[in-house]
Amino acid sequence: MTTIALLGAGGKMGCRITDNLLRTNYQVRYAEVGDKGRAALAQRGITSVTPEEAVAGSNVVILALPDNRIGQVTSSLNQHFRPGTMLIALDIAAPLSGHLPKRDDLTYFVTHPCHPSVFGGETETTAQLDFFGGIHAKQNIVCSLVQGPEESYALGEDIARAIYAPVVNSHRCTADQMAILEPVLSETVLGTCLTIIREAMDEAVKLGVPEAAARDFLLGHLKVELGIVFQLFEGATFSDGALKAIAEAKKSLFRPDWKSVFEPAAVTESIRKITAPPA
């Protein structure tokens, strides 16, 4: 039987994973060092163990830890990882930046949720309000076998589907492709653009537009314009006037070289900053 050690089991992400693993047949050891996290596990009827106790003899170790702590934690536990152990990271940053032990006898697997799509078609209120997924709303996931034998991929994907359930599609990517998806696509580009959109709404409110009207107008247009941009309905197109406004605005809102954030050096630097240990 596969034995899983879940490190950071009582944290924000750890609790989501814990709740889903409790519904599986996996034998799980829940490790948590913080008082708040241990209390969260106790509320679930779980007695936490130390990371060393959790890892010893486990086949799989899930790293539900901050990116900038993974290097420190895995280094301190390195002697407890027996050959063949699979380390599952929830983000590509630490594995890609060399923050996992440099051992050829370990398997490194990375999985990350796509999160529920805005066009997921959920009808139940609980699912509609499950923004992150992994509770009520269906979502897709991405996975990568960074290091280890090919036959290990199936186990990693099975565990990934369990911790992010309910999962519809699982997409296999390379480590470099995972880095393009996050941080570049989802945070550097999407997060930045959405932050600007919110700031634009606030600016409209400052200029006298009622806040409720601005929010309703913006969120409604967000849906229809996403449908147009991604060609999700018949006849999806901007008007001639909208196309002219977009073409002109891009000159003011974006630098001509903005796509440089996808260049390997920029991706590497972004990951370096994410994984830098706390001072």
Protein backbone atom coordinates (compact mmCIF):
# COMPACT_ATOMS: atom_id res chain seq x y z
CA MET A 1 0.00 0.00 0.00
CA THR A 2 1.19 3.52 -0.83
CA THR A 3 1.98 5.54 2.28
CA ILE A 4 1.87 9.31 1.94
CA ALA A 5 3.53 11.88 4.20
CA LEU A 6 1.76 15.23 3.94
CA LEU A 7 4.04 18.04 5.13
CA GLY A 8 2.25 21.25 6.10
CA ALA A 9 -0.98 19.29 6.53
CA GLY A 10 -2.58 21.93 8.74
CA GLY A 11 -1.85 24.92 6.53
CA LYS A 12 -4.24 26.67 4.18
CA MET A 13 -3.46 24.40 1.23
CA GLY A 14 -2.62 21.48 3.49
CA CYS A 15 -6.12 21.42 4.98
CA ARG A 16 -7.68 21.26 1.51
CA ILE A 17 -5.46 18.32 0.65
CA THR A 18 -6.06 16.70 4.04
CA ASP A 19 -9.83 16.84 3.57
CA ASN A 20 -9.56 15.15 0.17
CA LEU A 21 -7.06 12.51 1.27
CA LEU A 22 -9.39 11.52 4.11
CA ARG A 23 -11.79 10.33 1.41
CA THR A 24 -9.22 8.01 -0.19
CA ASN A 25 -7.74 4.63 0.66
CA TYR A 26 -4.21 5.97 0.93
CA GLN A 27 -2.42 5.55 4.23
CA VAL A 28 -1.52 9.12 5.19
CA ARG A 29 0.73 10.59 7.87
CA TYR A 30 -0.14 14.20 8.56
CA ALA A 31 2.82 16.37 9.61
CA GLU A 32 2.42 19.87 11.05
CA VAL A 33 4.75 21.93 13.25
CA GLY A 34 2.65 25.06 13.88
CA ASP A 35 0.17 25.36 16.74
CA LYS A 36 -2.55 26.77 14.48
CA GLY A 37 -2.04 24.00 11.96
CA ARG A 38 -2.09 21.27 14.61
CA ALA A 39 -5.32 22.72 15.97
CA ALA A 40 -6.85 22.64 12.47
CA LEU A 41 -5.93 18.96 12.17
CA ALA A 42 -7.29 18.21 15.64
CA GLN A 43 -10.65 19.64 14.54
CA ARG A 44 -10.61 16.93 11.86
CA GLY A 45 -9.83 14.23 14.38
CA ILE A 46 -6.20 13.98 13.27
CA THR A 47 -3.18 13.84 15.55
CA SER A 48 -0.25 15.41 13.73
CA VAL A 49 3.24 13.93 13.75
CA THR A 50 6.65 15.47 13.19
CA PRO A 51 7.98 15.72 9.64
CA GLU A 52 10.64 13.14 10.49
CA GLU A 53 8.02 10.68 11.73
CA ALA A 54 5.85 11.27 8.68
CA VAL A 55 8.61 10.83 6.13
CA ALA A 56 10.27 7.74 7.61
CA GLY A 57 9.18 4.78 5.51
CA SER A 58 6.72 6.73 3.34
CA ASN A 59 6.57 6.06 -0.41
CA VAL A 60 5.34 9.56 -1.26
CA VAL A 61 5.93 12.95 0.36
CA ILE A 62 3.62 15.86 -0.53
CA LEU A 63 5.20 19.27 0.03
CA ALA A 64 2.30 21.55 1.02
CA LEU A 65 4.81 24.21 2.04
CA PRO A 66 5.66 27.79 1.00
CA ASP A 67 7.98 27.86 -2.02
CA ASN A 68 10.69 29.65 -0.05
CA ARG A 69 10.72 26.98 2.68
CA ILE A 70 10.84 23.84 0.55
CA GLY A 71 14.63 23.89 0.12
CA GLN A 72 15.27 24.23 3.84
CA VAL A 73 12.75 21.57 4.85
CA THR A 74 13.73 18.93 2.27
CA SER A 75 17.39 19.46 3.04
CA SER A 76 16.79 18.79 6.73
CA LEU A 77 14.78 15.65 5.90
CA ASN A 78 17.04 14.36 3.14
CA GLN A 79 18.50 11.54 5.23
CA HIS A 80 14.98 10.22 5.91
CA PHE A 81 14.02 9.89 2.23
CA ARG A 82 14.62 6.29 1.27
CA PRO A 83 15.58 5.49 -2.36
CA GLY A 84 12.58 5.53 -4.68
CA THR A 85 10.60 8.02 -2.62
CA MET A 86 8.40 10.34 -4.67
CA LEU A 87 8.40 14.00 -3.65
CA ILE A 88 5.31 15.83 -4.91
CA ALA A 89 5.59 19.61 -5.15
CA LEU A 90 2.51 21.77 -5.70
CA ASP A 91 4.45 24.31 -7.77
CA ILE A 92 7.35 24.00 -10.22
CA ALA A 93 9.40 26.84 -8.69
CA ALA A 94 11.36 24.90 -6.07
CA PRO A 95 12.14 21.84 -8.24
CA LEU A 96 13.15 23.93 -11.24
CA SER A 97 15.42 26.20 -9.19
CA GLY A 98 17.29 23.29 -7.61
CA HIS A 99 15.78 23.51 -4.13
CA LEU A 100 15.15 19.76 -3.87
CA PRO A 101 17.88 17.32 -2.80
CA LYS A 102 20.31 16.49 -5.59
CA ARG A 103 19.67 12.75 -5.60
CA ASP A 104 19.12 10.57 -8.63
CA ASP A 105 17.35 7.90 -6.55
CA LEU A 106 14.36 10.12 -5.76
CA THR A 107 11.37 10.86 -7.98
CA TYR A 108 10.18 14.45 -8.35
CA PHE A 109 6.60 15.05 -9.48
CA VAL A 110 4.86 18.42 -9.74
CA THR A 111 1.14 19.05 -9.97
CA HIS A 112 -0.87 22.26 -9.90
CA PRO A 113 -4.59 22.99 -10.21
CA CYS A 114 -5.97 24.98 -13.12
CA HIS A 115 -8.76 26.03 -10.69
CA PRO A 116 -12.44 26.00 -11.73
CA SER A 117 -13.03 27.67 -15.08
CA VAL A 118 -15.22 30.76 -15.25
CA PHE A 119 -17.06 28.77 -17.93
CA GLY A 120 -17.22 25.55 -15.90
CA GLY A 121 -20.99 25.39 -16.04
CA GLU A 122 -21.49 24.88 -12.30
CA THR A 123 -25.13 25.25 -11.25
CA GLU A 124 -24.95 24.66 -7.49
CA THR A 125 -24.18 27.72 -5.36
CA THR A 126 -21.57 25.86 -3.30
CA ALA A 127 -19.69 24.92 -6.48
CA GLN A 128 -20.01 28.44 -7.91
CA LEU A 129 -18.44 29.85 -4.73
CA ASP A 130 -15.60 27.29 -4.70
CA PHE A 131 -13.16 29.64 -6.43
CA PHE A 132 -10.01 27.62 -5.76
CA GLY A 133 -11.52 24.20 -6.43
CA GLY A 134 -10.77 20.99 -4.60
CA ILE A 135 -13.99 21.12 -2.59
CA HIS A 136 -17.20 21.33 -4.66
CA ALA A 137 -16.26 22.69 -8.10
CA LYS A 138 -14.82 20.59 -10.92
CA GLN A 139 -11.41 21.63 -12.18
CA ASN A 140 -8.55 20.55 -14.43
CA ILE A 141 -4.93 20.01 -13.37
CA VAL A 142 -1.44 20.06 -14.89
CA CYS A 143 1.27 17.54 -13.98
CA SER A 144 4.95 17.01 -14.70
CA LEU A 145 7.36 14.16 -13.99
CA VAL A 146 10.49 16.23 -13.41
CA GLN A 147 12.72 13.34 -12.40
CA GLY A 148 12.28 9.61 -12.04
CA PRO A 149 11.13 6.52 -13.97
CA GLU A 150 8.30 6.89 -16.46
CA GLU A 151 6.20 4.31 -14.65
CA SER A 152 6.03 6.67 -11.65
CA TYR A 153 3.90 9.16 -13.58
CA ALA A 154 0.69 7.15 -13.15
CA LEU A 155 1.01 7.13 -9.36
CA GLY A 156 1.77 10.85 -9.24
CA GLU A 157 -1.22 11.65 -11.44
CA ASP A 158 -3.51 9.42 -9.39
CA ILE A 159 -2.52 11.23 -6.20
CA ALA A 160 -2.87 14.59 -7.96
CA ARG A 161 -6.43 13.73 -8.99
CA ALA A 162 -7.17 12.75 -5.39
CA ILE A 163 -5.83 15.90 -3.72
CA TYR A 164 -7.50 18.25 -6.21
CA ALA A 165 -10.78 16.34 -6.63
CA PRO A 166 -13.14 16.63 -8.38
CA VAL A 167 -10.85 16.65 -11.44
CA VAL A 168 -12.01 16.48 -15.06
CA ASN A 169 -8.88 16.69 -17.23
CA SER A 170 -5.23 16.14 -16.35
CA HIS A 171 -2.69 17.73 -18.70
CA ARG A 172 0.90 16.49 -18.84
CA CYS A 173 3.55 19.21 -19.27
CA THR A 174 7.31 19.49 -19.09
CA ALA A 175 8.96 21.31 -16.19
CA ASP A 176 9.73 24.32 -18.41
CA GLN A 177 6.13 24.43 -19.64
CA MET A 178 4.91 24.39 -16.03
CA ALA A 179 7.06 27.47 -15.35
CA ILE A 180 5.48 29.24 -18.33
CA LEU A 181 2.02 28.48 -16.94
CA GLU A 182 3.00 29.70 -13.47
CA PRO A 183 4.33 32.18 -12.63
CA VAL A 184 4.43 33.75 -16.10
CA LEU A 185 0.99 33.16 -17.60
CA SER A 186 -1.14 33.05 -14.45
CA GLU A 187 0.60 35.55 -12.18
CA THR A 188 2.97 37.77 -14.14
CA VAL A 189 0.48 38.36 -16.96
CA LEU A 190 -3.03 37.45 -15.80
CA GLY A 191 -2.67 38.57 -12.19
CA THR A 192 -1.16 41.87 -13.27
CA CYS A 193 -3.81 42.56 -15.91
CA LEU A 194 -6.65 41.74 -13.52
CA THR A 195 -5.13 43.98 -10.85
CA ILE A 196 -5.11 46.82 -13.38
CA ILE A 197 -8.74 46.05 -14.24
CA ARG A 198 -9.72 46.37 -10.58
CA GLU A 199 -7.75 49.63 -10.29
CA ALA A 200 -9.57 50.88 -13.38
CA MET A 201 -12.93 50.13 -11.75
CA ASP A 202 -11.84 52.02 -8.63
CA GLU A 203 -10.82 54.96 -10.84
CA ALA A 204 -14.26 54.98 -12.44
CA VAL A 205 -15.83 55.11 -8.96
CA LYS A 206 -13.56 58.03 -8.02
CA LEU A 207 -14.85 59.85 -11.09
CA GLY A 208 -18.41 59.52 -9.82
CA VAL A 209 -19.72 56.25 -11.25
CA PRO A 210 -21.78 54.40 -8.58
CA GLU A 211 -19.69 51.50 -7.32
CA ALA A 212 -22.45 48.92 -7.77
CA ALA A 213 -23.01 50.08 -11.35
CA ALA A 214 -19.28 49.99 -12.13
CA ARG A 215 -18.91 46.47 -10.69
CA ASP A 216 -21.96 45.06 -12.48
CA PHE A 217 -20.97 46.69 -15.76
CA LEU A 218 -17.37 45.48 -15.52
CA LEU A 219 -18.09 41.89 -14.49
CA GLY A 220 -20.76 41.52 -17.15
CA HIS A 221 -18.44 42.81 -19.84
CA LEU A 222 -15.67 40.61 -18.48
CA LYS A 223 -17.74 37.51 -19.23
CA VAL A 224 -18.79 38.51 -22.72
CA GLU A 225 -15.34 39.78 -23.68
CA LEU A 226 -13.69 36.59 -22.43
CA GLY A 227 -16.14 34.75 -24.66
CA ILE A 228 -15.13 36.92 -27.60
CA VAL A 229 -11.37 36.71 -27.03
CA PHE A 230 -11.43 32.92 -26.63
CA GLN A 231 -14.05 32.39 -29.36
CA LEU A 232 -16.48 30.58 -27.07
CA PHE A 233 -19.74 31.40 -28.82
CA GLU A 234 -21.00 31.78 -32.36
CA GLY A 235 -20.37 35.21 -33.83
CA ALA A 236 -17.86 36.11 -31.10
CA THR A 237 -16.29 39.36 -32.27
CA PHE A 238 -15.64 42.91 -31.10
CA SER A 239 -17.30 45.79 -32.87
CA ASP A 240 -15.19 47.93 -35.19
CA GLY A 241 -15.25 50.71 -32.61
CA ALA A 242 -14.09 48.37 -29.84
CA LEU A 243 -11.26 47.06 -32.01
CA LYS A 244 -10.06 50.60 -32.65
CA ALA A 245 -10.21 51.44 -28.94
CA ILE A 246 -8.24 48.27 -28.07
CA ALA A 247 -5.56 48.95 -30.67
CA GLU A 248 -5.05 52.49 -29.42
CA ALA A 249 -5.14 51.59 -25.73
CA LYS A 250 -2.51 48.85 -26.05
CA LYS A 251 -0.02 51.56 -27.04
CA SER A 252 -0.57 53.30 -23.70
CA LEU A 253 -1.16 50.34 -21.40
CA PHE A 254 1.59 47.98 -22.52
CA ARG A 255 5.24 48.30 -23.44
CA PRO A 256 6.03 46.99 -26.96
CA ASP A 257 8.39 44.39 -25.44
CA TRP A 258 6.02 43.09 -22.75
CA LYS A 259 6.30 39.51 -24.05
CA SER A 260 9.89 39.47 -22.81
CA VAL A 261 8.47 38.07 -19.55
CA PHE A 262 8.32 34.71 -21.38
CA GLU A 263 12.06 34.69 -22.13
CA PRO A 264 13.97 31.95 -20.24
CA ALA A 265 16.15 34.43 -18.34
CA ALA A 266 13.08 36.34 -17.12
CA VAL A 267 11.35 33.12 -16.06
CA THR A 268 14.46 31.97 -14.18
CA GLU A 269 14.75 35.28 -12.36
CA SER A 270 11.08 35.25 -11.38
CA ILE A 271 11.42 31.74 -9.95
CA ARG A 272 14.61 32.72 -8.11
CA LYS A 273 12.76 35.52 -6.32
CA ILE A 274 9.83 33.24 -5.46
CA THR A 275 12.03 30.58 -3.91
CA ALA A 276 14.53 32.83 -2.12
CA PRO A 277 14.63 31.76 1.55
CA PRO A 278 13.19 34.28 4.03
CA ALA A 279 15.73 36.66 5.54
